[in-house]
Protein backbone atom coordinates (compact mmCIF):
# COMPACT_ATOMS: atom_id res chain seq x y z
CA MET A 1 0.05 0.04 0.09
CA THR A 2 1.70 3.13 -1.13
CA TRP A 3 1.40 6.56 0.59
CA GLN A 4 0.86 8.01 -2.99
CA ARG A 5 -2.49 5.99 -3.25
CA ARG A 6 -3.59 6.99 0.24
CA ALA A 7 -2.87 10.65 -0.62
CA VAL A 8 -5.02 10.41 -3.73
CA LEU A 9 -7.90 8.72 -1.83
CA VAL A 10 -7.84 11.42 0.87
CA LEU A 11 -7.73 14.30 -1.63
CA ALA A 12 -10.56 12.47 -3.71
CA ALA A 13 -12.74 12.17 -0.42
CA ALA A 14 -12.08 15.72 0.47
CA TRP A 15 -13.23 17.13 -2.71
CA SER A 16 -16.29 14.89 -2.80
CA VAL A 17 -17.61 17.34 -0.18
CA PRO A 18 -20.05 19.85 -2.04
CA ALA A 19 -19.36 22.60 0.39
CA LEU A 20 -15.79 22.54 -0.07
CA ALA A 21 -14.57 25.59 -2.11
CA GLN A 22 -11.28 25.67 -3.61
CA SER A 23 -10.79 29.17 -2.10
CA ARG A 24 -9.99 27.80 1.25
CA PRO A 25 -7.67 25.11 2.43
CA ILE A 26 -8.65 21.57 2.89
CA ARG A 27 -8.65 20.61 6.61
CA ILE A 28 -7.66 17.00 7.29
CA GLY A 29 -7.96 15.30 10.58
CA TYR A 30 -5.16 12.79 11.08
CA LEU A 31 -6.19 10.18 13.58
CA VAL A 32 -3.61 7.65 14.79
CA HIS A 33 -3.29 4.92 17.61
CA SER A 34 0.50 5.61 18.29
CA PRO A 35 1.95 8.69 19.85
CA LEU A 36 2.93 11.46 17.33
CA VAL A 37 6.62 11.98 17.31
CA GLU A 38 8.99 14.68 16.11
CA PRO A 39 10.66 14.50 13.68
CA PRO A 40 7.71 13.00 11.87
CA SER A 41 7.60 9.22 11.30
CA ARG A 42 8.65 8.04 7.96
CA GLU A 43 4.88 7.24 7.14
CA ARG A 44 3.95 10.84 7.94
CA VAL A 45 6.75 12.39 5.93
CA ALA A 46 5.78 10.02 3.07
CA PHE A 47 2.16 11.05 3.27
CA LEU A 48 2.93 14.81 3.23
CA ASP A 49 5.36 14.24 0.51
CA GLU A 50 2.73 12.70 -1.79
CA LEU A 51 0.43 15.58 -0.94
CA ARG A 52 2.97 18.11 -1.92
CA LYS A 53 3.59 16.25 -5.27
CA LEU A 54 -0.16 16.67 -5.90
CA GLY A 55 0.07 20.39 -5.16
CA TYR A 56 -1.03 20.53 -1.54
CA LEU A 57 1.12 22.53 0.77
CA VAL A 58 0.47 22.70 4.59
CA GLY A 59 -0.22 26.35 5.50
CA ARG A 60 -1.10 27.37 2.10
CA ASN A 61 -3.94 25.22 0.71
CA LEU A 62 -3.97 22.41 3.32
CA LEU A 63 -4.34 22.23 6.99
CA ILE A 64 -3.80 18.91 9.01
CA GLU A 65 -5.12 18.42 12.53
CA TYR A 66 -3.35 15.64 14.35
CA ARG A 67 -4.75 13.54 17.08
CA SER A 68 -3.43 10.39 18.73
CA ALA A 69 -4.84 8.01 21.13
CA GLU A 70 -1.52 7.66 22.59
CA ASN A 71 -1.74 3.75 22.51
CA GLN A 72 -5.17 3.94 24.43
CA ALA A 73 -7.90 2.78 22.00
CA GLU A 74 -10.61 3.77 24.43
CA SER A 75 -9.73 7.39 23.85
CA PHE A 76 -10.65 7.34 20.10
CA PRO A 77 -14.18 8.78 20.65
CA GLN A 78 -12.73 11.88 22.56
CA ARG A 79 -10.06 12.35 19.90
CA VAL A 80 -12.76 12.16 17.03
CA ASP A 81 -15.07 14.65 18.88
CA GLU A 82 -12.16 17.05 18.99
CA LEU A 83 -11.63 16.74 15.24
CA LEU A 84 -15.30 17.28 14.51
CA LYS A 85 -15.42 20.39 16.67
CA LEU A 86 -12.61 21.71 14.32
CA ASP A 87 -14.90 21.26 11.40
CA VAL A 88 -12.50 19.05 9.40
CA ASP A 89 -13.32 18.14 5.95
CA LEU A 90 -12.44 14.46 6.27
CA ILE A 91 -10.74 12.14 8.58
CA LEU A 92 -7.65 9.94 7.84
CA ALA A 93 -7.79 7.06 10.30
CA THR A 94 -4.85 4.63 10.67
CA GLY A 95 -6.27 1.37 12.16
CA ASP A 96 -9.62 -0.18 12.42
CA ALA A 97 -10.35 1.07 15.86
CA ALA A 98 -9.85 4.71 14.78
CA THR A 99 -12.03 4.09 11.74
CA LEU A 100 -14.92 2.69 13.73
CA ALA A 101 -14.82 5.38 16.32
CA ALA A 102 -14.84 8.01 13.44
CA LYS A 103 -17.72 6.00 11.81
CA ALA A 104 -19.77 5.93 14.95
CA ALA A 105 -19.30 9.85 15.36
CA THR A 106 -20.34 10.99 11.95
CA ASN A 107 -22.11 9.94 8.75
CA ARG A 108 -21.38 13.20 7.01
CA ILE A 109 -17.65 13.66 6.92
CA PRO A 110 -15.69 11.44 4.47
CA ILE A 111 -13.49 8.86 6.38
CA VAL A 112 -10.46 7.29 4.84
CA PHE A 113 -8.79 4.26 6.58
CA ALA A 114 -5.23 3.91 5.74
CA GLN A 115 -5.62 0.10 5.48
CA SER A 116 -7.46 -2.65 6.93
CA PRO A 117 -7.03 -6.38 7.09
CA ASP A 118 -10.92 -7.13 6.76
CA PRO A 119 -12.89 -3.91 6.28
CA ALA A 120 -16.22 -5.66 5.44
CA GLY A 121 -15.68 -8.24 8.22
CA ASN A 122 -14.67 -5.68 10.90
CA GLY A 123 -17.75 -3.40 10.19
CA LEU A 124 -15.84 -0.58 8.36
CA VAL A 125 -17.81 -0.87 5.16
CA ARG A 126 -21.02 -2.95 4.07
CA SER A 127 -18.96 -4.80 1.34
CA LEU A 128 -15.79 -4.50 -0.68
CA ALA A 129 -17.82 -4.03 -3.86
CA ARG A 130 -20.28 -1.60 -2.19
CA PRO A 131 -18.70 0.03 0.73
CA GLY A 132 -21.54 2.56 1.02
CA ALA A 133 -21.98 5.31 3.54
CA ASN A 134 -18.99 7.87 4.15
CA VAL A 135 -16.06 5.45 4.62
CA THR A 136 -13.50 4.08 2.09
CA GLY A 137 -9.78 3.11 2.11
CA LEU A 138 -7.25 0.40 1.38
CA TYR A 139 -7.95 -3.11 1.84
CA ALA A 140 -4.82 -5.13 3.06
CA MET A 141 -6.36 -8.45 2.04
CA ALA A 142 -4.62 -10.14 5.05
CA PRO A 143 -7.02 -13.02 5.75
CA ASP A 144 -7.57 -13.74 2.06
CA LEU A 145 -3.72 -13.94 1.62
CA ALA A 146 -2.85 -15.99 4.62
CA GLY A 147 -2.81 -19.24 2.55
CA LYS A 148 -0.38 -17.64 0.01
CA ARG A 149 1.90 -16.23 2.48
CA MET A 150 2.24 -19.65 4.27
CA GLN A 151 2.86 -21.20 0.75
CA LEU A 152 5.60 -18.57 -0.06
CA LEU A 153 7.20 -19.31 3.23
CA ARG A 154 7.17 -22.99 2.69
CA GLU A 155 8.69 -22.42 -0.77
CA ALA A 156 11.47 -20.17 0.52
CA LEU A 157 12.12 -22.27 3.68
CA PRO A 158 11.16 -25.99 3.11
CA SER A 159 12.79 -27.04 6.30
CA ALA A 160 10.62 -24.59 8.33
CA ARG A 161 8.18 -26.19 10.74
CA ARG A 162 7.70 -23.64 13.67
CA VAL A 163 6.48 -20.26 12.85
CA ALA A 164 6.35 -17.76 15.80
CA MET A 165 3.44 -15.31 15.10
CA ILE A 166 3.25 -12.07 17.06
CA TRP A 167 0.34 -9.58 17.22
CA GLY A 168 -1.16 -6.81 19.31
CA ALA A 169 -3.16 -8.38 22.17
CA GLU A 170 -5.71 -5.64 22.38
CA SER A 171 -6.24 -6.01 18.41
CA LYS A 172 -9.04 -8.45 18.22
CA LEU A 173 -9.63 -7.36 14.53
CA VAL A 174 -6.60 -9.52 13.39
CA MET A 175 -7.80 -12.72 14.86
CA ASN A 176 -9.33 -13.80 11.37
CA ASP A 177 -5.89 -13.38 10.02
CA VAL A 178 -4.39 -15.53 12.91
CA LYS A 179 -7.11 -18.23 12.37
CA ALA A 180 -6.54 -18.30 8.66
CA SER A 181 -2.83 -18.44 8.97
CA THR A 182 -2.81 -21.28 11.50
CA GLN A 183 -5.14 -23.29 9.35
CA ALA A 184 -3.02 -22.70 6.34
CA ALA A 185 0.27 -23.47 8.12
CA ALA A 186 -1.18 -26.74 9.43
CA ARG A 187 -2.18 -27.88 5.92
CA LEU A 188 1.49 -27.49 4.90
CA GLY A 189 2.98 -29.21 7.87
CA MET A 190 3.87 -26.02 9.88
CA ARG A 191 2.71 -25.01 13.40
CA ILE A 192 1.99 -21.50 14.28
CA GLU A 193 3.24 -20.56 17.90
CA PRO A 194 1.03 -17.42 19.05
CA TYR A 195 2.63 -14.57 20.88
CA ALA A 196 0.14 -11.80 21.70
CA ILE A 197 1.57 -8.46 22.98
CA GLY A 198 -0.46 -6.09 25.17
CA ASP A 199 1.85 -3.40 26.24
CA ALA A 200 5.52 -2.15 25.76
CA ASP A 201 6.53 -3.99 28.95
CA GLN A 202 5.35 -7.29 27.62
CA VAL A 203 7.05 -6.77 24.17
CA ASN A 204 10.49 -7.56 25.50
CA ARG A 205 9.19 -10.46 27.60
CA GLN A 206 7.57 -12.02 24.63
CA PHE A 207 10.88 -11.49 22.55
CA GLU A 208 12.84 -13.10 25.15
CA ARG A 209 10.44 -16.11 25.02
CA ILE A 210 10.71 -16.25 21.23
CA ALA A 211 14.65 -16.09 21.43
CA LYS A 212 14.82 -18.94 23.84
CA THR A 213 12.46 -21.28 21.80
CA ARG A 214 14.34 -20.44 18.61
CA PRO A 215 11.50 -20.82 16.03
CA ASP A 216 12.40 -21.22 12.35
CA VAL A 217 10.38 -18.20 11.31
CA LEU A 218 9.14 -14.79 13.03
CA PHE A 219 5.96 -13.65 11.40
CA VAL A 220 4.71 -10.30 12.51
CA LEU A 221 1.19 -9.41 11.88
CA ALA A 222 0.56 -5.69 10.88
CA ASP A 223 -1.79 -3.97 13.29
CA THR A 224 -1.74 -0.57 14.82
CA ARG A 225 -0.20 -1.92 18.05
CA MET A 226 2.49 -3.89 16.27
CA THR A 227 3.25 -0.82 14.05
CA ALA A 228 3.84 1.02 17.24
CA TYR A 229 6.37 -1.47 18.40
CA ARG A 230 7.92 -1.83 14.91
CA ASP A 231 11.29 -0.40 15.58
CA ILE A 232 11.67 -2.72 18.67
CA VAL A 233 11.06 -5.58 16.39
CA LEU A 234 13.29 -4.60 13.83
CA ASP A 235 16.13 -3.81 16.33
CA ARG A 236 15.87 -7.05 17.87
CA PHE A 237 15.21 -9.40 14.84
CA GLY A 238 15.59 -7.46 11.48
CA ASN A 239 18.07 -6.35 9.12
CA PRO A 240 18.63 -2.54 9.83
CA ALA A 241 20.10 -2.05 6.29
CA ILE A 242 16.52 -2.54 4.79
CA ARG A 243 14.01 0.04 5.92
CA ASP A 244 10.69 -1.31 4.30
CA GLY A 245 8.21 -0.47 7.00
CA ASN A 246 7.00 -3.26 9.12
CA GLN A 247 7.30 -6.15 6.60
CA ARG A 248 10.14 -8.24 5.12
CA VAL A 249 8.60 -9.28 1.84
CA ALA A 250 10.72 -11.46 -0.64
CA MET A 251 7.94 -12.09 -3.07
CA ASP A 252 5.71 -9.69 -5.05
CA GLY A 253 9.13 -8.05 -5.85
CA PHE A 254 7.69 -6.13 -8.95
CA SER A 255 5.37 -4.29 -6.36
CA LYS A 256 7.84 -3.96 -3.56
CA ILE A 257 11.43 -3.30 -5.02
CA PRO A 258 10.64 -0.04 -6.59
CA GLY A 259 9.03 1.48 -3.58
CA PHE A 260 11.00 -0.12 -0.65
CA VAL A 261 14.26 -1.55 -1.67
CA ALA A 262 15.52 0.66 -4.64
CA PRO A 263 15.15 3.84 -2.67
CA THR A 264 17.29 2.27 0.22
CA VAL A 265 19.83 1.32 -2.31
CA ARG A 266 20.03 4.76 -3.68
CA GLU A 267 20.36 6.20 -0.20
CA ARG A 268 23.19 3.91 0.96
CA LEU A 269 25.12 4.27 -2.29
CA ALA A 270 24.87 8.13 -2.02
CA ARG A 271 26.31 7.89 1.50
CA GLY A 272 29.17 5.59 0.24
CA GLU A 273 27.68 2.59 2.35
CA SER A 274 27.63 -1.09 1.38
CA ILE A 275 24.43 -2.43 -0.19
CA ALA A 276 25.37 -6.10 0.32
CA SER A 277 22.68 -6.77 2.96
CA VAL A 278 19.93 -4.71 1.16
CA ALA A 279 20.63 -6.98 -1.97
CA MET A 280 19.63 -10.15 -0.29
CA LEU A 281 15.97 -9.34 -0.54
CA PRO A 282 15.85 -8.84 -4.38
CA ALA A 283 18.47 -11.77 -4.76
CA LEU A 284 15.93 -14.05 -2.96
CA PHE A 285 13.02 -12.67 -5.18
CA LEU A 286 15.04 -13.36 -8.34
CA ALA A 287 15.60 -16.95 -7.17
CA PHE A 288 11.86 -17.25 -6.60
CA LEU A 289 11.19 -15.69 -10.01
CA GLN A 290 13.41 -18.24 -11.85
CA ARG A 291 11.51 -21.07 -10.13
CA TRP A 292 8.22 -19.57 -11.28
CA HIS A 293 9.63 -19.27 -14.84
CA ARG A 294 10.51 -22.93 -14.78
CA GLY A 295 7.00 -23.86 -13.61
CA ALA A 296 8.30 -25.04 -10.27
CA ILE A 297 5.86 -22.91 -8.15
CA PRO A 298 2.88 -25.19 -7.09
CA TYR A 299 0.30 -22.40 -7.08
CA ALA A 300 -0.73 -19.44 -9.24
CA TYR A 301 1.81 -16.52 -8.41
CA GLN A 302 0.30 -13.16 -8.44
CA ASP A 303 2.12 -9.80 -8.41
CA GLN A 304 0.17 -6.77 -9.24
CA GLY A 305 3.29 -4.96 -10.51
CA MET A 306 4.60 -7.70 -12.75
CA ASP A 307 4.30 -7.95 -16.58
CA GLU A 308 4.73 -11.75 -17.00
CA ALA A 309 6.40 -11.28 -20.56
CA VAL A 310 9.04 -8.99 -18.90
CA ALA A 311 9.54 -11.45 -16.10
CA HIS A 312 9.98 -14.29 -18.49
CA ALA A 313 12.24 -12.34 -20.50
CA ILE A 314 14.53 -11.57 -17.49
CA CYS A 315 14.82 -15.37 -16.63
CA ASP A 316 15.38 -16.22 -20.38
CA ALA A 317 18.28 -13.82 -20.64
CA ALA A 318 21.87 -15.13 -21.03
CA ASP A 319 22.66 -13.32 -17.68
CA PRO A 320 19.39 -13.09 -15.68
CA THR A 321 21.09 -11.25 -12.81
CA ALA A 322 22.24 -8.39 -15.25
CA ALA A 323 18.91 -8.33 -16.92
CA PHE A 324 17.13 -8.23 -13.60
CA ALA A 325 19.50 -5.33 -12.45
CA GLY A 326 19.02 -3.67 -15.70
CA ASN A 327 15.35 -3.45 -15.41
CA ALA A 328 14.22 0.22 -15.16
CA GLY A 329 10.64 -0.60 -13.98
CA LEU A 330 12.29 -2.23 -10.79
CA TRP A 331 15.16 -0.03 -10.29
CA GLY A 332 14.52 3.49 -11.98
CA PRO A 333 17.76 5.53 -12.50
CA LEU A 334 19.70 2.62 -10.72
CA ALA A 335 19.07 0.20 -13.52
CA GLY A 336 22.31 -1.20 -14.89
CA ASP A 337 24.35 0.21 -12.32
CA ALA A 338 27.53 -1.94 -11.93
CA ARG A 339 27.45 -1.61 -8.19
CA LEU A 340 23.98 -3.02 -7.99
CA VAL A 341 24.93 -5.82 -10.33
CA VAL A 342 27.95 -6.77 -8.34
CA ALA A 343 25.97 -6.80 -5.13
CA LEU A 344 23.09 -8.73 -6.57
CA ARG A 345 25.70 -11.50 -7.90
CA HIS A 346 27.16 -11.98 -4.45
CA ALA A 347 23.73 -11.95 -2.67
CA GLY A 348 22.51 -14.43 -5.45
CA ALA A 349 25.40 -16.80 -4.51
CA ARG A 350 24.43 -16.76 -0.85
CA VAL A 351 20.87 -17.43 -1.76
CA ALA A 352 21.94 -20.42 -4.01
CA ALA A 353 24.13 -21.79 -1.10
CA PHE A 354 21.27 -21.59 1.35
CA ILE A 355 18.80 -23.18 -1.02
CA GLN A 356 21.29 -26.06 -1.71
CA GLU A 357 21.92 -26.59 1.90
CA HIS A 358 18.31 -26.69 3.00
CA HIS A 359 17.22 -28.85 -0.04
CA ALA A 360 20.11 -31.34 0.59
């Protein structure tokens, strides 16, 4: 889910209000679960950047009223009431709890949710085809994709049996995702080991338990509480060289590499830093893509950003790594950069060795 799409949704919702005249600024209510921080979070910076690209500048033709529940979901109704008293033109809500509070408070002001794992099932909209009322947003498709995620995990790590799954204990809205993931994992011979996290003190205790039991995989469900603890998760278990939000996605590379990996590569090269660790994710995707090309993936692979003809051409090339690194759709101005090619070759060799070891 890109912040560009969220910004477009927000502006479309704002200009759907008949009384809103272009002679005055749009006033957006920005409602979040986690505490607001300064300097702004990467998500907030990205949102403002996309609005700026669309011609909207804070203080000129745009005003943003920020309200946070400070990790206390029960305070959302009060925060929504404050926004309504400020006569906002729309509300951007991050998370289902924020969206439900806004929906309960008004049927007049447009509400845009940043993303939801199950907007129809969780009561945000009537249905995906006909959301109705004054609520719209981006569907994360989390429960629907649970089976696919487990299949991808099985393909990437055939020896994996134990999957530690963590989510926010107060976020009951992700339980459909937990259930679907558990069922899908069981069908593939894997076991989900659940870890619910309620507060900041419990985060480290649960991570200590995970570290001691040494599962094969750590799977973080994206909800507002886990987003608040994202940096703790990444500091403890993640690769700090890859700054791609709260997910580590090896597949769907044509959708993810341009927005997540390529910008990080550009930044690190500009600072004269190594991109060896960043190259591991696209190298893993290329290995997956080559298996898909050979027909070795036992399910229909879908990637909303992929042109199948282009993907097959990369794999058919005399040098697939060079062809992959030279694809402008993936890498933009980095395409064909010798440093990228070298990094991908080294990372590809490590991926190949890992696959050979775990398939032996």
